[in-house]
Amino acid sequence: MMINDDQERFHILLMGAVDDELDADERKEFARLLAQYPGFVKEFEDYKRLKEATKAMRFKNPPAELWDSYWLNIYNRLERGFGWILLSLGSIILLTFAGVEFFRALVFDSSLPVVVKIGIFCLIGGLAVLLVSVVRERWFVYKSDPYKEIKR
């Protein structure tokens, strides 16, 4: 094998080795690569140290006083509620208008067979139900996500 092939194989096996997920054959191959290339040993040790450091990390929650003072400000409370009202109202108006226009065009189009019209309504209804389901699920996950405060 050439060094590039060995490097590629090493990097494939590296994460499994760090997480102790290699089977017996892969461990032997990984050990051979470490013995053959001393630079790989340093990289492997670096990744092990990185894993240990990230395991030891804990997220610091902001103090409760900060959140209490944030929600005491009337502007902060009104801003979020008003934004949601406007977003909801605009969405309802636009989606209702688009739905009515599409329904009119579909119903009064005599060139489409009835079976196709029924299929289109079923498709749209199913997509609407799935959309609401996904949005509801994402909202629930967002509200209970312990990592949402982490900045990337």
Protein backbone atom coordinates (compact mmCIF):
# COMPACT_ATOMS: atom_id res chain seq x y z
CA MET A 1 0.00 0.00 0.00
CA MET A 2 1.04 3.55 -0.56
CA ILE A 3 1.19 6.11 2.26
CA ASN A 4 -1.98 7.85 0.96
CA ASP A 5 -3.95 4.60 1.09
CA ASP A 6 -2.63 3.91 4.59
CA GLN A 7 -3.49 7.46 5.68
CA GLU A 8 -7.02 7.09 4.35
CA ARG A 9 -7.48 3.73 6.07
CA PHE A 10 -5.99 5.11 9.30
CA HIS A 11 -8.47 7.97 9.35
CA ILE A 12 -11.34 5.56 8.72
CA LEU A 13 -10.24 3.40 11.67
CA LEU A 14 -9.24 6.32 13.91
CA MET A 15 -12.70 7.27 15.21
CA GLY A 16 -13.56 3.65 15.87
CA ALA A 17 -10.32 3.24 17.80
CA VAL A 18 -10.91 6.39 19.85
CA ASP A 19 -14.42 5.16 20.73
CA ASP A 20 -13.18 1.56 21.23
CA GLU A 21 -15.51 0.21 18.54
CA LEU A 22 -13.08 -1.74 16.35
CA ASP A 23 -13.40 -5.50 15.90
CA ALA A 24 -10.36 -7.79 16.25
CA ASP A 25 -9.25 -7.55 12.61
CA GLU A 26 -9.59 -3.79 12.55
CA ARG A 27 -7.61 -3.50 15.82
CA LYS A 28 -4.78 -5.52 14.28
CA GLU A 29 -4.80 -3.37 11.17
CA PHE A 30 -4.87 -0.20 13.28
CA ALA A 31 -1.97 -1.44 15.42
CA ARG A 32 0.00 -2.23 12.26
CA LEU A 33 -0.59 1.31 10.96
CA LEU A 34 0.51 2.82 14.29
CA ALA A 35 3.67 0.69 14.31
CA GLN A 36 4.47 1.51 10.69
CA TYR A 37 3.90 5.28 10.86
CA PRO A 38 5.01 7.07 14.06
CA GLY A 39 3.13 10.24 13.05
CA PHE A 40 -0.14 8.33 13.33
CA VAL A 41 0.58 7.62 17.01
CA LYS A 42 0.70 11.32 17.83
CA GLU A 43 -2.54 11.97 15.95
CA PHE A 44 -4.22 9.06 17.75
CA GLU A 45 -3.04 10.40 21.13
CA ASP A 46 -4.29 13.89 20.23
CA TYR A 47 -7.74 12.52 19.42
CA LYS A 48 -7.86 10.54 22.67
CA ARG A 49 -6.99 13.70 24.64
CA LEU A 50 -9.63 15.64 22.69
CA LYS A 51 -12.25 13.02 23.52
CA GLU A 52 -11.36 13.17 27.22
CA ALA A 53 -11.48 16.96 27.20
CA THR A 54 -14.89 17.05 25.54
CA LYS A 55 -16.24 14.42 27.95
CA ALA A 56 -15.18 16.62 30.85
CA MET A 57 -16.84 19.76 29.43
CA ARG A 58 -20.05 21.03 30.99
CA PHE A 59 -22.26 23.83 29.75
CA LYS A 60 -22.65 26.81 32.01
CA ASN A 61 -26.23 27.90 32.47
CA PRO A 62 -26.86 31.60 32.82
CA PRO A 63 -27.84 32.63 36.33
CA ALA A 64 -31.56 32.63 37.12
CA GLU A 65 -31.37 36.34 37.90
CA LEU A 66 -30.46 37.06 34.29
CA TRP A 67 -33.58 35.32 32.97
CA ASP A 68 -35.74 36.89 35.65
CA SER A 69 -34.56 40.38 34.73
CA TYR A 70 -35.00 39.62 31.02
CA TRP A 71 -38.65 38.67 31.39
CA LEU A 72 -39.37 41.56 33.76
CA ASN A 73 -38.79 44.00 30.91
CA ILE A 74 -42.18 44.60 29.30
CA TYR A 75 -40.63 45.22 25.89
CA ASN A 76 -39.10 41.73 25.83
CA ARG A 77 -42.43 40.11 26.72
CA LEU A 78 -44.48 42.11 24.20
CA GLU A 79 -41.98 41.81 21.39
CA ARG A 80 -42.09 38.02 21.21
CA GLY A 81 -45.87 37.79 21.53
CA PHE A 82 -46.49 40.50 18.94
CA GLY A 83 -44.07 38.86 16.50
CA TRP A 84 -45.86 35.51 16.80
CA ILE A 85 -49.26 37.15 16.29
CA LEU A 86 -48.10 38.93 13.13
CA LEU A 87 -46.41 35.81 11.76
CA SER A 88 -49.48 33.68 12.41
CA LEU A 89 -51.90 36.22 10.97
CA GLY A 90 -49.86 36.74 7.81
CA SER A 91 -49.46 33.00 7.29
CA ILE A 92 -53.17 32.37 7.76
CA ILE A 93 -54.13 35.10 5.28
CA LEU A 94 -51.66 34.01 2.59
CA LEU A 95 -52.32 30.29 2.94
CA THR A 96 -56.08 30.80 2.90
CA PHE A 97 -55.91 32.95 -0.22
CA ALA A 98 -53.62 30.48 -2.00
CA GLY A 99 -55.83 27.56 -0.97
CA VAL A 100 -59.01 29.21 -2.22
CA GLU A 101 -57.45 30.15 -5.55
CA PHE A 102 -56.02 26.67 -6.05
CA PHE A 103 -59.32 25.06 -5.09
CA ARG A 104 -61.20 27.29 -7.58
CA ALA A 105 -58.78 26.51 -10.38
CA LEU A 106 -58.90 22.78 -9.67
CA VAL A 107 -62.66 22.44 -9.27
CA PHE A 108 -63.56 24.50 -12.35
CA ASP A 109 -60.98 22.81 -14.60
CA SER A 110 -63.15 20.45 -16.66
CA SER A 111 -60.18 18.88 -18.42
CA LEU A 112 -59.07 17.01 -15.28
CA PRO A 113 -60.76 13.69 -14.47
CA VAL A 114 -62.48 13.41 -11.07
CA VAL A 115 -60.02 10.73 -9.93
CA VAL A 116 -57.09 13.11 -10.50
CA LYS A 117 -58.86 15.88 -8.57
CA ILE A 118 -59.49 13.52 -5.65
CA GLY A 119 -55.86 12.41 -5.75
CA ILE A 120 -54.63 16.00 -5.67
CA PHE A 121 -56.87 16.86 -2.70
CA CYS A 122 -55.68 13.76 -0.83
CA LEU A 123 -52.05 14.64 -1.58
CA ILE A 124 -52.48 18.21 -0.36
CA GLY A 125 -54.38 17.08 2.73
CA GLY A 126 -51.69 14.54 3.59
CA LEU A 127 -48.93 17.09 3.11
CA ALA A 128 -50.78 19.56 5.35
CA VAL A 129 -51.18 16.97 8.11
CA LEU A 130 -47.51 15.98 7.87
CA LEU A 131 -46.39 19.62 7.86
CA VAL A 132 -48.37 20.39 11.00
CA SER A 133 -47.03 17.21 12.62
CA VAL A 134 -43.39 18.06 11.81
CA VAL A 135 -43.75 21.69 12.94
CA ARG A 136 -45.39 20.58 16.20
CA GLU A 137 -42.65 17.99 16.81
CA ARG A 138 -39.83 20.45 16.04
CA TRP A 139 -41.41 22.99 18.40
CA PHE A 140 -41.61 20.40 21.18
CA VAL A 141 -38.00 19.32 20.60
CA TYR A 142 -36.85 22.94 20.52
CA LYS A 143 -38.56 23.71 23.83
CA SER A 144 -36.92 20.73 25.53
CA ASP A 145 -33.51 20.82 23.78
CA PRO A 146 -30.76 21.21 26.42
CA TYR A 147 -28.26 22.41 23.78
CA LYS A 148 -30.28 25.25 22.24
CA GLU A 149 -28.35 27.86 24.23
CA ILE A 150 -25.00 26.78 22.76
CA LYS A 151 -23.51 29.18 20.24
CA ARG A 152 -21.73 27.62 17.29
